[in-house]
Amino acid sequence: MAKSTNGNPNIIQTRNLTKEFNGEVAVNNLSFEVPQGRIFGLIGPSGCGKTTTVRLLTGVYRPTAGGARVLGEDPQRFSQTARSKIGYMLQHSVLYPDLTVWENINFASAIYGIGPRRGKQLRRALEFVELDEHRHKAVNNISGGMQRRLSLAATLAHDPALLFLDEPTTGVDPVLRRKFWDHFDRLRNEGRTPLVTTQYVGAAASCDLVAVMQNGRLLFVDTPRGLRLQTYGGELVDLRATDYFDPRVFDSLVAVEGVRDIRRVDASHLRLVVEDAGVVMPRLVEWSQAQGISLQSVEEYQPPFDDVFVHLIEQQGSDSHA
């Protein structure tokens, strides 16, 4: 497998991947790479092509044009070895409601070809999602959130290296959603590669790499920090005074090395665009002392990803009409 820029082999590579249905383009010319051992988030609104992309990468759909290499192979010609390394959690539940938690995961493991001596492996998967104590309960007697966790456990039953998790947190409450992402962190730390599709923009902060999709097209692929830098032109620092900022000091403030722009939030609150927040913040303290300004706080501001994405989409729209 080819190496990514960070030295990890690319477990997925696509080039101009395209899928049409009856002349309608669902996935349009996607090219991206997923390094091994990273959480890759495929983020976008419902209907933008995320699930179709996953089905192309798992060999469910044949591309109309372009192609992909997954685990070094063409998904349309996966070897049995490659298939055994892939886990696929569907967007919609495929559990059997009348069977118990244990019977469901046992059935899933049999499909993957795990031998009869699989008890310890299945117990580990249930323990991973904190369902082992519920293994004798019928699925129709556990909550919807527990059913989603069981679907994840079933996906992990055969110990895959690459996981396709299609909208795994849809319909679950924010507390459980956070727990799911904690599970994905643990999987990544074990050296596995979760590819997660989601329409929850805030999930971008939990990914190592984020791909943003809209209308079947790939708009951006970057780290969460990289997306913030694209959006605002640098890192953000909030500067708060105990009194107020006289506009006459702005010329000296923008002259501080590393300060790129000043945005006034209110009379006592400035938001600065800077090259490197960690380097610039001590300079801002020195500047305030030289100006005789009493500061209440100087801290880096991390904008919510909802704001980041709105700005990115607006920028993309402006660029396309330029």
Protein backbone atom coordinates (compact mmCIF):
# COMPACT_ATOMS: atom_id res chain seq x y z
CA MET A 1 0.00 0.00 0.00
CA ALA A 2 1.18 3.54 -0.74
CA LYS A 3 2.33 5.73 2.13
CA SER A 4 0.46 8.82 3.31
CA THR A 5 2.22 12.09 4.04
CA ASN A 6 2.46 11.15 7.74
CA GLY A 7 4.22 7.87 6.94
CA ASN A 8 1.27 5.55 7.58
CA PRO A 9 0.29 3.27 4.69
CA ASN A 10 -2.93 4.31 2.95
CA ILE A 11 -5.52 1.65 3.69
CA ILE A 12 -7.97 3.29 1.21
CA GLN A 13 -7.22 5.18 -2.00
CA THR A 14 -9.79 6.50 -4.47
CA ARG A 15 -9.23 8.15 -7.84
CA ASN A 16 -12.07 9.95 -9.62
CA LEU A 17 -14.59 7.57 -8.03
CA THR A 18 -18.00 8.14 -9.62
CA LYS A 19 -21.39 6.45 -9.35
CA GLU A 20 -24.50 7.18 -11.39
CA PHE A 21 -28.01 5.77 -11.06
CA ASN A 22 -30.17 6.09 -14.18
CA GLY A 23 -28.12 9.04 -15.35
CA GLU A 24 -28.21 10.80 -11.97
CA VAL A 25 -24.79 11.35 -10.39
CA ALA A 26 -24.77 10.20 -6.76
CA VAL A 27 -20.99 10.30 -6.20
CA ASN A 28 -18.99 12.65 -8.38
CA ASN A 29 -15.27 12.23 -9.06
CA LEU A 30 -14.03 11.51 -5.51
CA SER A 31 -10.28 11.31 -4.91
CA PHE A 32 -8.99 10.87 -1.37
CA GLU A 33 -6.76 8.67 0.80
CA VAL A 34 -7.28 7.18 4.25
CA PRO A 35 -4.12 6.43 6.26
CA GLN A 36 -4.07 3.29 8.37
CA GLY A 37 -4.72 3.80 12.07
CA ARG A 38 -6.62 7.08 11.74
CA ILE A 39 -10.27 8.04 12.32
CA PHE A 40 -11.56 9.27 8.98
CA GLY A 41 -14.82 11.21 9.11
CA LEU A 42 -17.01 11.47 6.01
CA ILE A 43 -19.32 14.33 6.92
CA GLY A 44 -22.23 15.89 5.08
CA PRO A 45 -26.02 16.26 5.00
CA SER A 46 -28.37 13.36 4.41
CA GLY A 47 -28.44 12.38 0.74
CA CYS A 48 -25.04 13.85 -0.13
CA GLY A 49 -23.52 10.49 -1.16
CA LYS A 50 -21.86 9.19 2.00
CA THR A 51 -23.59 5.79 2.06
CA THR A 52 -23.10 5.33 -1.69
CA THR A 53 -19.38 6.01 -1.18
CA VAL A 54 -19.18 3.36 1.54
CA ARG A 55 -20.99 0.86 -0.69
CA LEU A 56 -18.48 1.54 -3.46
CA LEU A 57 -15.57 1.02 -1.05
CA THR A 58 -17.00 -2.26 0.24
CA GLY A 59 -17.78 -3.65 -3.21
CA VAL A 60 -21.56 -3.50 -2.86
CA TYR A 61 -21.74 -1.09 -5.82
CA ARG A 62 -19.64 -1.11 -8.98
CA PRO A 63 -18.35 2.37 -9.90
CA THR A 64 -19.55 4.04 -13.09
CA ALA A 65 -16.11 5.60 -13.52
CA GLY A 66 -12.85 5.86 -11.59
CA GLY A 67 -11.89 3.34 -8.97
CA ALA A 68 -10.66 2.53 -5.49
CA ARG A 69 -8.09 0.38 -3.73
CA VAL A 70 -9.02 -0.88 -0.28
CA LEU A 71 -6.45 -2.92 1.64
CA GLY A 72 -4.51 -2.86 -1.61
CA GLU A 73 -7.28 -4.54 -3.61
CA ASP A 74 -10.11 -3.62 -5.96
CA PRO A 75 -13.34 -3.84 -3.89
CA GLN A 76 -15.03 -5.65 -6.80
CA ARG A 77 -12.41 -8.41 -6.53
CA PHE A 78 -11.78 -8.68 -2.79
CA SER A 79 -9.92 -11.79 -1.71
CA GLN A 80 -11.24 -13.74 1.24
CA THR A 81 -8.29 -12.42 3.26
CA ALA A 82 -9.26 -8.81 2.55
CA ARG A 83 -12.93 -9.45 3.35
CA SER A 84 -11.96 -10.95 6.69
CA LYS A 85 -10.22 -7.68 7.64
CA ILE A 86 -13.29 -5.49 6.98
CA GLY A 87 -16.17 -4.72 9.34
CA TYR A 88 -19.28 -2.95 8.05
CA MET A 89 -21.88 -1.44 10.38
CA LEU A 90 -24.95 -0.57 8.35
CA GLN A 91 -26.93 2.62 8.81
CA HIS A 92 -30.07 0.63 9.60
CA SER A 93 -30.22 -2.16 12.16
CA VAL A 94 -30.06 -5.76 10.93
CA LEU A 95 -30.52 -7.31 14.36
CA TYR A 96 -33.04 -10.06 15.09
CA PRO A 97 -35.40 -8.66 17.74
CA ASP A 98 -36.57 -12.04 19.09
CA LEU A 99 -33.03 -13.31 19.65
CA THR A 100 -30.90 -12.41 22.64
CA VAL A 101 -27.92 -10.07 22.53
CA TRP A 102 -25.64 -13.11 22.68
CA GLU A 103 -27.51 -15.00 19.96
CA ASN A 104 -27.30 -11.99 17.65
CA ILE A 105 -23.56 -11.50 17.99
CA ASN A 106 -22.99 -15.25 17.81
CA PHE A 107 -24.95 -15.38 14.55
CA ALA A 108 -22.96 -12.45 13.12
CA SER A 109 -19.67 -14.12 14.00
CA ALA A 110 -20.76 -17.34 12.26
CA ILE A 111 -21.43 -15.37 9.08
CA TYR A 112 -17.87 -14.03 9.26
CA GLY A 113 -16.62 -17.61 9.54
CA ILE A 114 -15.33 -17.49 13.10
CA GLY A 115 -14.90 -21.01 14.45
CA PRO A 116 -17.02 -22.60 17.18
CA ARG A 117 -14.52 -21.67 19.92
CA ARG A 118 -15.35 -18.00 19.73
CA GLY A 119 -16.86 -17.35 23.16
CA LYS A 120 -13.96 -15.29 24.55
CA GLN A 121 -13.74 -13.19 21.40
CA LEU A 122 -17.44 -12.39 21.48
CA ARG A 123 -17.35 -11.60 25.19
CA ARG A 124 -14.52 -9.13 24.50
CA ALA A 125 -16.62 -7.43 21.81
CA LEU A 126 -19.60 -7.13 24.18
CA GLU A 127 -17.38 -5.87 27.00
CA PHE A 128 -15.92 -3.27 24.62
CA VAL A 129 -19.39 -1.72 24.14
CA GLU A 130 -20.42 -2.38 27.78
CA LEU A 131 -23.14 -4.91 26.94
CA ASP A 132 -21.75 -8.13 28.38
CA GLU A 133 -24.05 -8.03 31.43
CA HIS A 134 -27.05 -7.74 29.07
CA ARG A 135 -26.09 -10.66 26.82
CA HIS A 136 -29.05 -12.83 27.85
CA LYS A 137 -31.68 -10.16 27.16
CA ALA A 138 -33.81 -10.26 24.02
CA VAL A 139 -32.98 -7.43 21.62
CA ASN A 140 -36.58 -6.19 21.65
CA ASN A 141 -36.19 -5.67 25.41
CA ILE A 142 -33.18 -3.36 25.24
CA SER A 143 -33.08 0.33 24.32
CA GLY A 144 -32.41 1.70 20.85
CA GLY A 145 -29.03 3.00 22.01
CA MET A 146 -28.06 -0.44 23.29
CA GLN A 147 -29.11 -1.93 19.96
CA ARG A 148 -26.74 0.45 18.16
CA ARG A 149 -23.95 -0.62 20.53
CA LEU A 150 -24.79 -4.25 19.79
CA SER A 151 -24.53 -3.52 16.06
CA LEU A 152 -21.04 -2.13 16.70
CA ALA A 153 -20.10 -5.21 18.74
CA ALA A 154 -21.31 -7.48 15.92
CA THR A 155 -19.15 -5.48 13.50
CA LEU A 156 -16.14 -6.07 15.78
CA ALA A 157 -16.84 -9.77 16.34
CA HIS A 158 -14.25 -11.00 13.80
CA ASP A 159 -11.59 -8.47 14.89
CA PRO A 160 -11.41 -6.38 11.65
CA ALA A 161 -8.61 -3.93 10.86
CA LEU A 162 -10.79 -1.60 8.77
CA LEU A 163 -14.26 -0.52 9.91
CA PHE A 164 -16.93 1.15 7.80
CA LEU A 165 -19.39 2.70 10.25
CA ASP A 166 -22.33 4.22 8.39
CA GLU A 167 -24.16 6.82 10.51
CA PRO A 168 -23.45 4.86 13.73
CA THR A 169 -24.76 7.60 16.04
CA THR A 170 -27.98 8.50 14.22
CA GLY A 171 -30.92 8.70 16.60
CA VAL A 172 -28.90 8.37 19.81
CA ASP A 173 -28.70 10.95 22.57
CA PRO A 174 -25.63 13.23 22.96
CA VAL A 175 -24.25 11.28 25.95
CA LEU A 176 -24.33 7.98 24.07
CA ARG A 177 -22.98 9.70 20.95
CA ARG A 178 -19.94 10.82 22.96
CA LYS A 179 -19.51 7.24 24.22
CA PHE A 180 -19.51 5.94 20.64
CA TRP A 181 -16.69 8.32 19.77
CA ASP A 182 -14.78 7.15 22.84
CA HIS A 183 -15.13 3.62 21.41
CA PHE A 184 -13.77 4.83 18.05
CA ASP A 185 -10.80 6.44 19.83
CA ARG A 186 -10.00 3.12 21.45
CA LEU A 187 -10.24 1.32 18.12
CA ARG A 188 -7.84 3.83 16.56
CA ASN A 189 -5.46 3.43 19.49
CA GLU A 190 -5.47 -0.33 18.85
CA GLY A 191 -4.23 0.38 15.31
CA ARG A 192 -7.55 -0.08 13.55
CA THR A 193 -8.98 2.34 11.00
CA PRO A 194 -12.58 3.54 11.53
CA LEU A 195 -14.18 5.30 8.56
CA VAL A 196 -17.24 6.99 10.04
CA THR A 197 -20.03 8.67 8.09
CA THR A 198 -22.15 11.21 9.92
CA GLN A 199 -24.30 14.28 9.41
CA TYR A 200 -23.34 15.59 12.87
CA VAL A 201 -20.89 18.35 12.04
CA GLY A 202 -19.55 18.54 15.61
CA ALA A 203 -18.13 15.03 15.19
CA ALA A 204 -15.37 16.52 13.04
CA ALA A 205 -13.48 17.50 16.19
CA SER A 206 -13.14 13.80 17.10
CA CYS A 207 -11.64 12.76 13.74
CA ASP A 208 -8.02 12.70 12.63
CA LEU A 209 -9.05 13.55 9.05
CA VAL A 210 -12.32 15.01 7.83
CA ALA A 211 -13.82 14.78 4.34
CA VAL A 212 -16.71 17.16 3.69
CA MET A 213 -19.29 16.09 1.09
CA GLN A 214 -22.11 18.01 -0.54
CA ASN A 215 -24.28 16.96 -3.49
CA GLY A 216 -22.06 13.98 -4.25
CA ARG A 217 -18.89 16.06 -4.40
CA LEU A 218 -15.92 16.17 -2.07
CA LEU A 219 -15.38 19.76 -0.95
CA PHE A 220 -12.47 19.40 1.47
CA VAL A 221 -10.24 16.79 3.06
CA ASP A 222 -8.16 18.05 5.97
CA THR A 223 -7.45 17.74 9.67
CA PRO A 224 -9.85 19.52 12.06
CA ARG A 225 -7.15 22.15 12.68
CA GLY A 226 -6.58 22.52 8.94
CA LEU A 227 -10.28 23.16 8.37
CA ARG A 228 -10.27 25.88 11.02
CA LEU A 229 -7.23 27.51 9.43
CA GLN A 230 -8.87 27.40 5.99
CA THR A 231 -11.99 29.02 7.42
CA TYR A 232 -10.48 31.87 9.42
CA GLY A 233 -7.04 32.33 7.88
CA GLY A 234 -5.25 31.40 11.08
CA GLU A 235 -5.80 30.50 14.71
CA LEU A 236 -8.09 32.59 16.90
CA VAL A 237 -7.27 34.31 20.19
CA ASP A 238 -9.80 36.06 22.43
CA LEU A 239 -8.50 39.17 24.17
CA ARG A 240 -10.67 40.55 27.00
CA ALA A 241 -9.97 43.80 28.85
CA THR A 242 -11.19 44.65 32.35
CA ASP A 243 -12.42 47.99 30.94
CA TYR A 244 -12.59 48.56 27.16
CA PHE A 245 -10.30 48.75 24.14
CA ASP A 246 -9.71 52.21 22.73
CA PRO A 247 -9.75 51.88 18.91
CA ARG A 248 -6.66 54.09 18.77
CA VAL A 249 -4.53 51.16 20.00
CA PHE A 250 -5.53 48.88 17.11
CA ASP A 251 -2.68 50.05 14.87
CA SER A 252 -0.11 49.00 17.46
CA LEU A 253 -1.97 45.74 18.09
CA VAL A 254 -2.02 44.65 14.45
CA ALA A 255 1.70 45.45 14.35
CA VAL A 256 2.41 42.73 16.96
CA GLU A 257 4.33 39.98 15.19
CA GLY A 258 2.01 37.10 14.27
CA VAL A 259 -1.25 39.09 14.45
CA ARG A 260 -3.11 38.99 11.12
CA ASP A 261 -6.48 40.55 11.81
CA ILE A 262 -8.60 42.15 14.54
CA ARG A 263 -12.33 41.52 14.97
CA ARG A 264 -14.20 43.48 17.61
CA VAL A 265 -16.78 41.35 19.47
CA ASP A 266 -17.75 44.16 21.85
CA ALA A 267 -16.08 47.12 23.58
CA SER A 268 -14.00 44.95 25.93
CA HIS A 269 -13.62 41.83 23.77
CA LEU A 270 -11.43 41.42 20.68
CA ARG A 271 -11.03 38.26 18.57
CA LEU A 272 -7.68 38.12 16.79
CA VAL A 273 -6.60 36.02 13.84
CA VAL A 274 -3.01 34.95 14.48
CA GLU A 275 -0.39 32.68 12.94
CA ASP A 276 0.22 30.57 16.05
CA ALA A 277 -1.79 31.15 19.21
CA GLY A 278 0.79 29.61 21.55
CA VAL A 279 3.53 31.89 20.25
CA VAL A 280 1.48 35.07 19.95
CA MET A 281 -0.34 35.07 23.31
CA PRO A 282 2.76 36.00 25.39
CA ARG A 283 3.42 38.85 22.92
CA LEU A 284 -0.12 40.10 23.47
CA VAL A 285 0.44 40.21 27.23
CA GLU A 286 3.61 42.26 26.65
CA TRP A 287 1.71 44.55 24.25
CA SER A 288 -1.07 45.16 26.80
CA GLN A 289 1.44 46.04 29.50
CA ALA A 290 3.20 48.48 27.18
CA GLN A 291 -0.16 50.11 26.36
CA GLY A 292 -1.24 50.24 30.01
CA ILE A 293 -4.25 47.97 29.30
CA SER A 294 -5.48 45.71 32.08
CA LEU A 295 -6.43 42.33 30.62
CA GLN A 296 -9.06 40.05 32.05
CA SER A 297 -8.01 37.08 29.91
CA VAL A 298 -6.01 35.97 26.87
CA GLU A 299 -6.99 32.55 25.52
CA GLU A 300 -7.18 30.58 22.32
CA TYR A 301 -10.69 30.32 20.88
CA GLN A 302 -11.81 27.05 19.28
CA PRO A 303 -14.88 27.83 17.14
CA PRO A 304 -17.58 25.14 17.07
CA PHE A 305 -17.49 23.08 13.91
CA ASP A 306 -21.02 24.11 13.04
CA ASP A 307 -19.61 27.63 12.50
CA VAL A 308 -16.56 26.29 10.65
CA PHE A 309 -18.68 24.31 8.22
CA VAL A 310 -21.12 27.13 7.57
CA HIS A 311 -18.19 29.40 6.67
CA LEU A 312 -16.56 26.73 4.49
CA ILE A 313 -19.75 26.04 2.56
CA GLU A 314 -20.35 29.78 2.10
CA GLN A 315 -16.76 30.21 0.88
CA GLN A 316 -17.21 27.31 -1.53
CA GLY A 317 -20.39 28.88 -2.90
CA SER A 318 -18.66 32.24 -3.33
CA ASP A 319 -15.71 30.63 -5.13
CA SER A 320 -17.99 28.68 -7.50
CA HIS A 321 -19.76 31.90 -8.53
CA ALA A 322 -16.60 33.99 -8.83
